[in-house]
C-alpha atoms as a PDB file:
ATOM      1  CA  UNK A   1      49.365  82.739 120.648  1.00  0.00           C
ATOM      2  CA  UNK A   2      45.962  81.093 120.751  1.00  0.00           C
ATOM      3  CA  UNK A   3      43.024  83.456 121.085  1.00  0.00           C
ATOM      4  CA  UNK A   4      40.499  82.469 123.731  1.00  0.00           C
ATOM      5  CA  UNK A   5      36.992  83.817 123.057  1.00  0.00           C
ATOM      6  CA  UNK A   6      35.511  86.267 125.571  1.00  0.00           C
ATOM      7  CA  UNK A   7      33.238  83.870 127.465  1.00  0.00           C
ATOM      8  CA  UNK A   8      32.987  82.770 131.067  1.00  0.00           C
ATOM      9  CA  UNK A   9      32.675  79.028 130.467  1.00  0.00           C
ATOM     10  CA  UNK A  10      33.425  76.556 127.693  1.00  0.00           C
ATOM     11  CA  UNK A  11      32.230  73.006 127.002  1.00  0.00           C
ATOM     12  CA  UNK A  12      34.813  70.283 126.419  1.00  0.00           C
ATOM     13  CA  UNK A  13      34.276  70.331 122.648  1.00  0.00           C
ATOM     14  CA  UNK A  14      34.942  74.069 122.544  1.00  0.00           C
ATOM     15  CA  UNK A  15      38.082  73.634 124.642  1.00  0.00           C
ATOM     16  CA  UNK A  16      39.254  70.838 122.338  1.00  0.00           C
ATOM     17  CA  UNK A  17      38.735  73.107 119.335  1.00  0.00           C
ATOM     18  CA  UNK A  18      40.479  76.106 120.919  1.00  0.00           C
ATOM     19  CA  UNK A  19      43.465  74.149 122.232  1.00  0.00           C
ATOM     20  CA  UNK A  20      43.681  71.533 119.455  1.00  0.00           C
ATOM     21  CA  UNK A  21      43.738  68.823 122.145  1.00  0.00           C
ATOM     22  CA  UNK A  22      41.350  65.870 121.853  1.00  0.00           C
ATOM     23  CA  UNK A  23      38.644  65.531 124.546  1.00  0.00           C
ATOM     24  CA  UNK A  24      40.006  62.202 125.824  1.00  0.00           C
ATOM     25  CA  UNK A  25      43.412  63.854 126.319  1.00  0.00           C
ATOM     26  CA  UNK A  26      41.780  66.727 128.206  1.00  0.00           C
ATOM     27  CA  UNK A  27      40.045  64.232 130.504  1.00  0.00           C
ATOM     28  CA  UNK A  28      43.339  62.406 131.043  1.00  0.00           C
ATOM     29  CA  UNK A  29      45.141  65.658 131.868  1.00  0.00           C
ATOM     30  CA  UNK A  30      42.409  66.440 134.408  1.00  0.00           C
ATOM     31  CA  UNK A  31      43.345  63.263 136.258  1.00  0.00           C
ATOM     32  CA  UNK A  32      47.088  63.934 136.025  1.00  0.00           C
ATOM     33  CA  UNK A  33      47.109  67.688 136.622  1.00  0.00           C
ATOM     34  CA  UNK A  34      44.723  68.213 139.519  1.00  0.00           C
ATOM     35  CA  UNK A  35      44.819  71.953 138.924  1.00  0.00           C
ATOM     36  CA  UNK A  36      42.648  71.593 135.820  1.00  0.00           C
ATOM     37  CA  UNK A  37      39.269  71.470 137.467  1.00  0.00           C
ATOM     38  CA  UNK A  38      36.292  72.071 135.210  1.00  0.00           C
ATOM     39  CA  UNK A  39      32.987  72.525 136.965  1.00  0.00           C
ATOM     40  CA  UNK A  40      29.982  70.383 136.115  1.00  0.00           C
ATOM     41  CA  UNK A  41      26.880  71.983 134.664  1.00  0.00           C
ATOM     42  CA  UNK A  42      23.377  71.030 135.742  1.00  0.00           C
ATOM     43  CA  UNK A  43      23.401  68.522 132.894  1.00  0.00           C
ATOM     44  CA  UNK A  44      26.693  67.078 134.234  1.00  0.00           C
ATOM     45  CA  UNK A  45      28.766  68.421 131.329  1.00  0.00           C
ATOM     46  CA  UNK A  46      32.255  69.709 132.013  1.00  0.00           C
ATOM     47  CA  UNK A  47      32.516  73.474 131.824  1.00  0.00           C
ATOM     48  CA  UNK A  48      35.992  74.953 131.721  1.00  0.00           C
ATOM     49  CA  UNK A  49      36.979  78.451 132.759  1.00  0.00           C
ATOM     50  CA  UNK A  50      39.367  80.722 130.902  1.00  0.00           C
ATOM     51  CA  UNK A  51      41.987  79.895 133.574  1.00  0.00           C
ATOM     52  CA  UNK A  52      41.560  76.171 132.823  1.00  0.00           C
ATOM     53  CA  UNK A  53      42.150  76.818 129.126  1.00  0.00           C
ATOM     54  CA  UNK A  54      45.269  78.861 129.858  1.00  0.00           C
ATOM     55  CA  UNK A  55      46.600  75.983 131.983  1.00  0.00           C
ATOM     56  CA  UNK A  56      45.814  73.483 129.230  1.00  0.00           C
ATOM     57  CA  UNK A  57      47.717  75.618 126.722  1.00  0.00           C
ATOM     58  CA  UNK A  58      50.681  75.786 129.136  1.00  0.00           C
ATOM     59  CA  UNK A  59      50.629  71.997 129.584  1.00  0.00           C
ATOM     60  CA  UNK A  60      50.377  71.423 125.845  1.00  0.00           C
ATOM     61  CA  UNK A  61      53.368  73.697 125.224  1.00  0.00           C
ATOM     62  CA  UNK A  62      55.445  71.987 127.908  1.00  0.00           C
ATOM     63  CA  UNK A  63      54.651  68.465 126.726  1.00  0.00           C
ATOM     64  CA  UNK A  64      54.567  68.879 122.952  1.00  0.00           C
ATOM     65  CA  UNK A  65      56.905  71.773 122.189  1.00  0.00           C
ATOM     66  CA  UNK A  66      59.389  71.771 125.045  1.00  0.00           C
ATOM     67  CA  UNK A  67      59.540  67.985 125.458  1.00  0.00           C
ATOM     68  CA  UNK A  68      58.790  67.776 129.179  1.00  0.00           C
ATOM     69  CA  UNK A  69      57.714  64.474 130.721  1.00  0.00           C
ATOM     70  CA  UNK A  70      54.405  64.404 132.594  1.00  0.00           C
ATOM     71  CA  UNK A  71      56.223  64.657 135.918  1.00  0.00           C
ATOM     72  CA  UNK A  72      58.428  67.485 134.674  1.00  0.00           C
ATOM     73  CA  UNK A  73      55.416  69.340 133.285  1.00  0.00           C
ATOM     74  CA  UNK A  74      53.601  68.981 136.631  1.00  0.00           C
ATOM     75  CA  UNK A  75      56.525  70.599 138.440  1.00  0.00           C
ATOM     76  CA  UNK A  76      56.868  73.348 135.853  1.00  0.00           C
ATOM     77  CA  UNK A  77      53.141  74.142 135.933  1.00  0.00           C
ATOM     78  CA  UNK A  78      53.349  74.562 139.716  1.00  0.00           C
ATOM     79  CA  UNK A  79      56.264  76.969 139.210  1.00  0.00           C
ATOM     80  CA  UNK A  80      54.318  78.900 136.559  1.00  0.00           C
ATOM     81  CA  UNK A  81      51.308  79.170 138.856  1.00  0.00           C
ATOM     82  CA  UNK A  82      53.436  80.329 141.781  1.00  0.00           C
ATOM     83  CA  UNK A  83      55.012  83.011 139.588  1.00  0.00           C
ATOM     84  CA  UNK A  84      51.609  84.201 138.323  1.00  0.00           C
ATOM     85  CA  UNK A  85      50.273  84.347 141.889  1.00  0.00           C
ATOM     86  CA  UNK A  86      53.317  86.355 142.922  1.00  0.00           C
ATOM     87  CA  UNK A  87      52.779  88.796 140.036  1.00  0.00           C
ATOM     88  CA  UNK A  88      49.089  89.200 140.942  1.00  0.00           C
ATOM     89  CA  UNK A  89      50.011  89.837 144.555  1.00  0.00           C
ATOM     90  CA  UNK A  90      52.550  92.477 143.525  1.00  0.00           C
ATOM     91  CA  UNK A  91      49.998  94.213 141.297  1.00  0.00           C
ATOM     92  CA  UNK A  92      47.423  94.119 144.088  1.00  0.00           C
ATOM     93  CA  UNK A  93      49.878  95.555 146.615  1.00  0.00           C
ATOM     94  CA  UNK A  94      50.925  98.262 144.161  1.00  0.00           C
ATOM     95  CA  UNK A  95      47.277  99.286 143.610  1.00  0.00           C
ATOM     96  CA  UNK A  96      46.658  99.401 147.361  1.00  0.00           C
ATOM     97  CA  UNK A  97      49.716 101.590 147.888  1.00  0.00           C
ATOM     98  CA  UNK A  98      48.758 104.061 145.168  1.00  0.00           C
ATOM     99  CA  UNK A  99      45.124 104.200 146.377  1.00  0.00           C
ATOM    100  CA  UNK A 100      46.134 105.489 149.818  1.00  0.00           C
END
């Protein structure tokens, strides 16, 4: 598994290095997968969050290792996100129950 450094934000070159995905591919994936949404810095550079990098690694795995098409990967990424949201909700509910 790829190690993501402990930082809040990453420039596109750093993301390309971490994920081994070229910057032009990252920009293309941004347009195809609307869920990858880097912010813009004051100097108008893209700054990616850790969540963005995790999504990019998921997309890369789906496309390059598992052989998904772009459309198939889009559907699968939505499923992955829904499952992660569900897990977070369950953890949150569990913490609330034990805190009472």
